[in-house]
Amino acid sequence: MKQFFGMSQRGDLREAVRGLSRPQLIMLMSNSQQFESHVKELEELYPGVPSIGCIGMCYDTRIVEKGVGVIAFSNGVRAVANVLEEVSVMPVKYIDRLEQDVKHVSGSQNDTICIDFCSENDACVLTTIYTVLKHRKISLVGGTGDGGKVSANGKVYEHAVAYALVKNETGRVKAYKENIYHQLENHRFIASRTNKSQYIIGALNGRPAKQVYQDILHVTEQEITTQTFKNPFGKLNGDDICIISIKEVSGDALACFRQVNDSDVLVLLELGDYKELVKDTIRTIHQDFPKISAVFSVNCLFRYLLFNQNHYMEEYLAEMGTLGSHAGLVGYGEHYNNRFVNQSMTCVVFE
């Protein structure tokens, strides 16, 4: 299979798709002003080709912040794109679509991936989708777009998740998740006074969450929202840790980008040697895949901001480019199988 990446910093879709012929799946990443017109134009240019799209930045060895980017697969993939609607209230209502699509591509663990772009309610969406994927052990990689909108097959949707099932007919596929954080000392908390709908942590070990965070890290209230780049929370999930970013201060509480429930066990994390951890991920992928056709990744917006602050973003994209054809999305949350995480990178590698 082959992966195509095209872009236009000025938002010219025809410029972005120049050289793209006979695609079997197209992924569109556009800006908020042009998203709907780009979705319509893309369908006119490639009628009937399965496609999904969202609002967000994208990249290969360069970053596209405000224009438009297109990633497409061809030459040996079988793909189908679709959407689950009403994700804020009842995504399971449309689960039959996914069940039929999995059958259509004859997907299996070793050769198929589900890629999704979500507008909201990610944790519930992933739980719903995974009820279908787990039976065939199909992995999922995806992320949250901006603006509350996604697209599928030339149509824009709100309150929805767009997904593509991609079967590699020429080799294997495998999903990966990269975490550049580790636990800070022995700080461990039981969350309480949480608000599920607003993603709020009211208290940690019975004390106001804001005060606990400030006391440990010696930061002012104004510094909390940037300190989370270095010190997010982590939720224990078996042997894994799901990263939870802080969005803002809410009185004595902390509002996050991911839901926390009463009695959840949380730890405080700190940034590791991210340059070396990226190299470790690349080494692992090379060991697993001596021959790579394509890599599609989703990087968190906070990772992008952190890497930019440390003048590492260009170097990072160059490092990932050593894998071969690498392109992806800057998301507002990352998806890995049935997990919704923050400040992470998830990717799928095609043999």
Protein backbone atom coordinates (compact mmCIF):
# COMPACT_ATOMS: atom_id res chain seq x y z
CA MET A 1 0.00 0.00 0.00
CA LYS A 2 0.98 3.63 -0.41
CA GLN A 3 0.33 6.75 1.64
CA PHE A 4 -0.09 10.18 0.07
CA PHE A 5 0.28 13.49 1.91
CA GLY A 6 -0.55 16.80 0.30
CA MET A 7 -0.98 20.22 1.85
CA SER A 8 -1.67 23.87 1.18
CA GLN A 9 -0.74 26.47 3.77
CA ARG A 10 -3.20 28.89 2.14
CA GLY A 11 -6.13 26.47 2.21
CA ASP A 12 -6.24 25.60 -1.50
CA LEU A 13 -7.63 22.06 -1.65
CA ARG A 14 -6.73 21.55 -5.30
CA GLU A 15 -3.14 22.36 -4.45
CA ALA A 16 -3.24 19.87 -1.57
CA VAL A 17 -4.49 16.97 -3.74
CA ARG A 18 -2.17 17.66 -6.68
CA GLY A 19 -0.73 14.31 -7.74
CA LEU A 20 -3.33 12.22 -5.91
CA SER A 21 -4.81 9.59 -8.22
CA ARG A 22 -6.99 6.56 -7.59
CA PRO A 23 -7.17 6.86 -3.78
CA GLN A 24 -8.96 4.14 -1.83
CA LEU A 25 -9.39 6.24 1.35
CA ILE A 26 -9.00 9.98 1.94
CA MET A 27 -8.58 11.79 5.27
CA LEU A 28 -9.16 15.56 5.25
CA MET A 29 -7.78 17.95 7.88
CA SER A 30 -8.98 21.51 7.34
CA ASN A 31 -9.47 24.84 9.11
CA SER A 32 -12.66 26.09 10.74
CA GLN A 33 -13.44 28.68 8.04
CA GLN A 34 -13.12 26.35 5.05
CA PHE A 35 -13.98 22.92 6.47
CA GLU A 36 -17.47 22.60 5.03
CA SER A 37 -16.48 23.90 1.60
CA HIS A 38 -13.44 21.60 1.55
CA VAL A 39 -15.62 18.59 2.39
CA LYS A 40 -17.94 19.40 -0.51
CA GLU A 41 -15.09 20.08 -2.93
CA LEU A 42 -13.26 16.89 -1.99
CA GLU A 43 -16.34 14.81 -2.75
CA GLU A 44 -16.68 16.54 -6.12
CA LEU A 45 -13.03 15.82 -6.96
CA TYR A 46 -13.15 12.18 -5.81
CA PRO A 47 -16.80 11.09 -5.94
CA GLY A 48 -17.59 7.88 -4.15
CA VAL A 49 -14.14 7.47 -2.56
CA PRO A 50 -14.49 6.71 1.18
CA SER A 51 -13.43 9.73 3.21
CA ILE A 52 -13.39 11.12 6.74
CA GLY A 53 -12.44 14.60 7.89
CA CYS A 54 -12.10 16.98 10.79
CA ILE A 55 -10.89 20.45 11.73
CA GLY A 56 -7.29 20.39 12.88
CA MET A 57 -3.63 20.89 12.12
CA CYS A 58 -1.71 18.20 10.27
CA TYR A 59 1.83 17.33 9.29
CA ASP A 60 4.35 15.18 7.48
CA THR A 61 7.84 16.65 7.82
CA ARG A 62 6.14 20.09 8.00
CA ILE A 63 3.25 21.38 10.06
CA VAL A 64 0.09 22.83 8.50
CA GLU A 65 -1.51 25.13 11.06
CA LYS A 66 -4.27 27.03 9.23
CA GLY A 67 -4.46 25.60 5.72
CA VAL A 68 -5.56 22.18 4.56
CA GLY A 69 -3.96 18.75 4.45
CA VAL A 70 -4.95 15.47 2.80
CA ILE A 71 -3.76 11.98 3.68
CA ALA A 72 -4.78 9.17 1.34
CA PHE A 73 -4.17 5.43 1.06
CA SER A 74 -3.98 3.53 -2.22
CA ASN A 75 -2.46 0.49 -3.94
CA GLY A 76 -3.61 -2.44 -1.87
CA VAL A 77 -6.06 -1.36 0.79
CA ARG A 78 -9.73 -2.10 1.25
CA ALA A 79 -11.50 0.70 3.09
CA VAL A 80 -14.93 1.86 4.14
CA ALA A 81 -15.91 5.13 5.86
CA ASN A 82 -18.99 5.87 7.92
CA VAL A 83 -20.32 7.78 10.90
CA LEU A 84 -22.01 7.17 14.25
CA GLU A 85 -24.37 10.03 15.08
CA GLU A 86 -25.85 11.41 18.30
CA VAL A 87 -22.64 10.61 20.19
CA SER A 88 -23.54 12.99 23.00
CA VAL A 89 -26.60 10.92 23.89
CA MET A 90 -26.75 7.53 22.13
CA PRO A 91 -23.93 6.47 19.75
CA VAL A 92 -24.95 2.82 20.21
CA LYS A 93 -28.12 3.60 18.21
CA TYR A 94 -25.99 3.48 15.04
CA ILE A 95 -23.69 0.57 15.95
CA ASP A 96 -25.17 -1.64 13.24
CA ARG A 97 -23.35 0.50 10.67
CA LEU A 98 -19.99 -0.43 12.19
CA GLU A 99 -20.93 -4.09 12.48
CA GLN A 100 -21.81 -4.23 8.78
CA ASP A 101 -18.66 -2.33 7.79
CA VAL A 102 -16.41 -4.72 9.70
CA LYS A 103 -18.01 -7.59 7.80
CA HIS A 104 -17.63 -5.72 4.51
CA VAL A 105 -13.86 -5.33 4.82
CA SER A 106 -13.43 -8.81 6.37
CA GLY A 107 -11.23 -7.19 9.00
CA SER A 108 -8.91 -9.08 11.34
CA GLN A 109 -6.38 -8.33 14.06
CA ASN A 110 -3.25 -8.52 11.92
CA ASP A 111 -4.29 -6.55 8.85
CA THR A 112 -7.04 -4.06 9.81
CA ILE A 113 -7.21 -0.77 11.70
CA CYS A 114 -10.07 1.54 12.63
CA ILE A 115 -9.19 5.26 12.35
CA ASP A 116 -11.67 7.70 13.90
CA PHE A 117 -12.19 11.47 14.10
CA CYS A 118 -14.53 12.42 16.95
CA SER A 119 -16.36 15.66 17.77
CA GLU A 120 -17.19 15.02 21.47
CA ASN A 121 -17.96 12.52 24.24
CA ASP A 122 -14.88 10.49 23.31
CA ALA A 123 -14.83 8.03 26.22
CA CYS A 124 -18.41 6.89 25.56
CA VAL A 125 -17.78 6.73 21.82
CA LEU A 126 -14.70 4.54 22.22
CA THR A 127 -16.47 2.18 24.60
CA THR A 128 -19.30 1.86 22.07
CA ILE A 129 -17.03 1.27 19.06
CA TYR A 130 -14.91 -1.24 20.90
CA THR A 131 -17.88 -3.47 21.64
CA VAL A 132 -17.68 -4.34 17.93
CA LEU A 133 -13.94 -4.20 17.28
CA LYS A 134 -12.94 -6.38 20.23
CA HIS A 135 -14.61 -9.46 18.76
CA ARG A 136 -12.14 -9.43 15.86
CA LYS A 137 -9.35 -7.86 17.95
CA ILE A 138 -9.16 -4.90 15.56
CA SER A 139 -7.18 -1.96 16.96
CA LEU A 140 -8.26 1.68 16.84
CA VAL A 141 -6.25 4.89 16.50
CA GLY A 142 -7.82 8.33 16.29
CA GLY A 143 -8.42 11.70 17.88
CA THR A 144 -10.68 14.63 18.61
CA GLY A 145 -11.08 17.37 16.02
CA ASP A 146 -11.84 21.03 16.65
CA GLY A 147 -15.10 22.92 16.17
CA GLY A 148 -17.48 20.09 17.06
CA LYS A 149 -17.70 18.89 13.45
CA VAL A 150 -16.50 15.86 11.48
CA SER A 151 -17.18 14.62 7.97
CA ALA A 152 -17.77 11.29 6.31
CA ASN A 153 -18.19 10.60 2.60
CA GLY A 154 -18.77 14.22 1.63
CA LYS A 155 -21.19 15.17 4.39
CA VAL A 156 -20.57 17.27 7.53
CA TYR A 157 -21.89 16.06 10.90
CA GLU A 158 -22.13 17.54 14.38
CA HIS A 159 -22.32 15.39 17.54
CA ALA A 160 -20.74 12.49 15.65
CA VAL A 161 -17.71 10.29 15.17
CA ALA A 162 -16.45 9.58 11.66
CA TYR A 163 -14.52 6.35 11.23
CA ALA A 164 -12.67 4.46 8.54
CA LEU A 165 -11.95 0.75 8.55
CA VAL A 166 -8.76 0.09 6.61
CA LYS A 167 -7.58 -3.37 5.63
CA ASN A 168 -4.00 -3.68 4.43
CA GLU A 169 -4.08 -6.28 1.66
CA THR A 170 -0.28 -6.34 1.32
CA GLY A 171 0.85 -6.84 4.92
CA ARG A 172 0.29 -6.33 8.62
CA VAL A 173 -0.87 -3.35 10.67
CA LYS A 174 -0.12 -2.51 14.29
CA ALA A 175 -1.15 0.30 16.64
CA TYR A 176 1.18 2.03 19.12
CA LYS A 177 0.84 4.55 21.95
CA GLU A 178 3.69 6.74 23.19
CA ASN A 179 3.80 8.19 26.71
CA ILE A 180 6.58 10.69 27.50
CA TYR A 181 5.62 10.98 31.19
CA HIS A 182 6.31 8.94 34.32
CA GLN A 183 5.08 9.08 37.91
CA LEU A 184 6.39 11.89 40.09
CA GLU A 185 7.65 10.48 43.39
CA ASN A 186 4.91 8.66 45.33
CA HIS A 187 2.09 11.13 44.84
CA ARG A 188 -1.13 9.12 44.65
CA PHE A 189 -4.67 10.42 45.07
CA ILE A 190 -8.29 9.35 45.39
CA ALA A 191 -10.48 11.75 43.40
CA SER A 192 -13.74 13.06 44.87
CA ARG A 193 -16.27 15.86 44.37
CA THR A 194 -15.99 15.24 40.65
CA ASN A 195 -18.36 16.50 37.96
CA LYS A 196 -18.57 14.03 35.09
CA SER A 197 -20.20 16.38 32.59
CA GLN A 198 -17.70 19.21 33.18
CA TYR A 199 -14.64 16.95 33.69
CA ILE A 200 -13.97 18.54 37.09
CA ILE A 201 -11.83 17.19 39.94
CA GLY A 202 -13.05 18.86 43.13
CA ALA A 203 -10.83 17.17 45.69
CA LEU A 204 -7.78 14.91 45.95
CA ASN A 205 -7.49 12.84 49.12
CA GLY A 206 -10.17 15.07 50.60
CA ARG A 207 -8.37 18.37 49.97
CA PRO A 208 -9.19 20.99 47.28
CA ALA A 209 -7.61 19.77 44.03
CA LYS A 210 -6.18 23.17 43.09
CA GLN A 211 -4.43 23.53 46.44
CA VAL A 212 -2.97 20.03 46.29
CA TYR A 213 -1.50 20.67 42.83
CA GLN A 214 -0.07 24.05 43.87
CA ASP A 215 1.44 22.77 47.11
CA ILE A 216 3.32 19.93 45.43
CA LEU A 217 4.64 21.88 42.43
CA HIS A 218 4.97 25.34 44.02
CA VAL A 219 3.16 27.15 41.22
CA THR A 220 0.74 30.05 41.19
CA GLU A 221 -2.87 29.64 40.10
CA GLN A 222 -2.04 31.39 36.82
CA GLU A 223 0.76 28.88 36.07
CA ILE A 224 -1.37 25.74 36.47
CA THR A 225 -2.64 25.58 32.87
CA THR A 226 0.90 25.66 31.45
CA GLN A 227 2.43 23.53 34.20
CA THR A 228 0.22 20.67 32.99
CA PHE A 229 2.56 20.39 29.96
CA LYS A 230 5.19 19.13 32.41
CA ASN A 231 2.97 17.70 35.15
CA PRO A 232 -0.38 16.26 34.07
CA PHE A 233 -2.32 13.75 36.11
CA GLY A 234 -2.42 10.07 35.27
CA LYS A 235 -5.26 7.60 35.79
CA LEU A 236 -4.20 4.05 36.54
CA ASN A 237 -5.61 1.56 34.05
CA GLY A 238 -4.15 -1.84 34.88
CA ASP A 239 -0.47 -1.66 34.00
CA ASP A 240 -1.05 1.42 31.85
CA ILE A 241 -1.48 5.09 32.73
CA CYS A 242 -3.97 7.31 30.90
CA ILE A 243 -2.77 10.91 30.88
CA ILE A 244 -5.22 13.61 32.04
CA SER A 245 -4.47 17.23 31.10
CA ILE A 246 -5.66 20.19 33.14
CA LYS A 247 -7.84 22.59 31.17
CA GLU A 248 -8.44 25.39 33.68
CA VAL A 249 -8.95 26.32 37.29
CA SER A 250 -12.57 26.29 38.49
CA GLY A 251 -12.72 27.85 41.96
CA ASP A 252 -10.83 25.41 44.20
CA ALA A 253 -11.27 22.65 41.63
CA LEU A 254 -9.49 21.69 38.42
CA ALA A 255 -11.32 21.21 35.12
CA CYS A 256 -9.65 18.65 32.85
CA PHE A 257 -9.81 17.48 29.24
CA ARG A 258 -10.84 13.99 30.26
CA GLN A 259 -13.51 12.68 32.62
CA VAL A 260 -12.53 11.73 36.15
CA ASN A 261 -14.93 9.91 38.46
CA ASP A 262 -15.27 9.74 42.22
CA SER A 263 -12.89 7.13 43.70
CA ASP A 264 -10.64 7.07 40.62
CA VAL A 265 -7.01 6.51 41.58
CA LEU A 266 -4.79 9.25 40.16
CA VAL A 267 -1.06 9.88 40.19
CA LEU A 268 0.94 13.00 39.39
CA LEU A 269 3.22 12.70 36.38
CA GLU A 270 6.36 14.47 35.25
CA LEU A 271 7.91 14.93 31.84
CA GLY A 272 10.63 12.45 30.94
CA ASP A 273 13.45 12.54 28.41
CA TYR A 274 11.06 12.92 25.51
CA LYS A 275 13.76 12.98 22.83
CA GLU A 276 15.07 9.61 23.95
CA LEU A 277 11.55 8.21 24.37
CA VAL A 278 10.72 9.18 20.77
CA LYS A 279 13.87 7.39 19.61
CA ASP A 280 12.78 4.32 21.62
CA THR A 281 9.39 4.32 19.86
CA ILE A 282 11.05 4.56 16.44
CA ARG A 283 13.46 1.73 17.31
CA THR A 284 10.55 -0.46 18.45
CA ILE A 285 8.62 0.17 15.23
CA HIS A 286 11.70 -0.62 13.11
CA GLN A 287 12.18 -3.89 15.02
CA ASP A 288 8.53 -4.85 14.51
CA PHE A 289 8.41 -3.75 10.86
CA PRO A 290 11.60 -4.14 8.79
CA LYS A 291 9.53 -2.94 5.82
CA ILE A 292 7.15 0.00 6.36
CA SER A 293 4.67 1.30 3.81
CA ALA A 294 3.12 4.06 5.92
CA VAL A 295 2.70 5.51 9.40
CA PHE A 296 -0.37 7.56 10.39
CA SER A 297 -0.20 9.26 13.80
CA VAL A 298 -2.20 11.54 16.09
CA ASN A 299 -0.23 13.93 18.29
CA CYS A 300 -1.85 15.85 21.12
CA LEU A 301 -2.10 19.63 20.81
CA PHE A 302 -0.31 19.91 24.17
CA ARG A 303 2.60 17.82 22.85
CA TYR A 304 2.74 20.13 19.84
CA LEU A 305 2.83 23.19 22.13
CA LEU A 306 5.44 21.60 24.39
CA PHE A 307 7.66 20.59 21.47
CA ASN A 308 7.29 24.06 19.95
CA GLN A 309 8.24 25.76 23.21
CA ASN A 310 11.37 23.63 23.32
CA HIS A 311 12.18 24.16 19.62
CA TYR A 312 11.83 20.41 19.00
CA MET A 313 8.84 20.12 16.67
CA GLU A 314 10.79 20.20 13.41
CA GLU A 315 13.34 17.76 14.79
CA TYR A 316 10.51 15.48 15.97
CA LEU A 317 8.88 15.37 12.54
CA ALA A 318 12.27 14.69 10.95
CA GLU A 319 12.87 11.83 13.41
CA MET A 320 9.46 10.30 12.65
CA GLY A 321 10.17 10.80 8.96
CA THR A 322 12.98 8.24 9.23
CA LEU A 323 10.24 5.61 9.39
CA GLY A 324 9.33 6.42 5.79
CA SER A 325 5.98 7.88 4.80
CA HIS A 326 4.74 9.49 8.04
CA ALA A 327 1.82 11.91 8.33
CA GLY A 328 -0.83 12.74 10.87
CA LEU A 329 -3.19 14.96 12.82
CA VAL A 330 -2.74 17.28 15.80
CA GLY A 331 -5.68 16.29 17.98
CA TYR A 332 -7.48 17.56 21.07
CA GLY A 333 -7.38 14.09 22.61
CA GLU A 334 -6.00 10.79 21.42
CA HIS A 335 -7.65 7.42 20.98
CA TYR A 336 -5.99 4.05 21.44
CA ASN A 337 -8.29 1.04 21.24
CA ASN A 338 -10.93 1.76 23.90
CA ARG A 339 -8.91 4.43 25.73
CA PHE A 340 -9.25 8.21 25.54
CA VAL A 341 -5.97 9.84 26.58
CA ASN A 342 -4.34 13.28 26.63
CA GLN A 343 -0.81 14.52 25.92
CA SER A 344 0.05 11.32 24.04
CA MET A 345 0.89 10.09 20.55
CA THR A 346 -0.94 7.18 18.98
CA CYS A 347 -0.14 5.76 15.58
CA VAL A 348 -0.75 2.89 13.19
CA VAL A 349 2.01 1.32 11.14
CA PHE A 350 1.31 -0.40 7.83
CA GLU A 351 3.71 -3.04 6.55
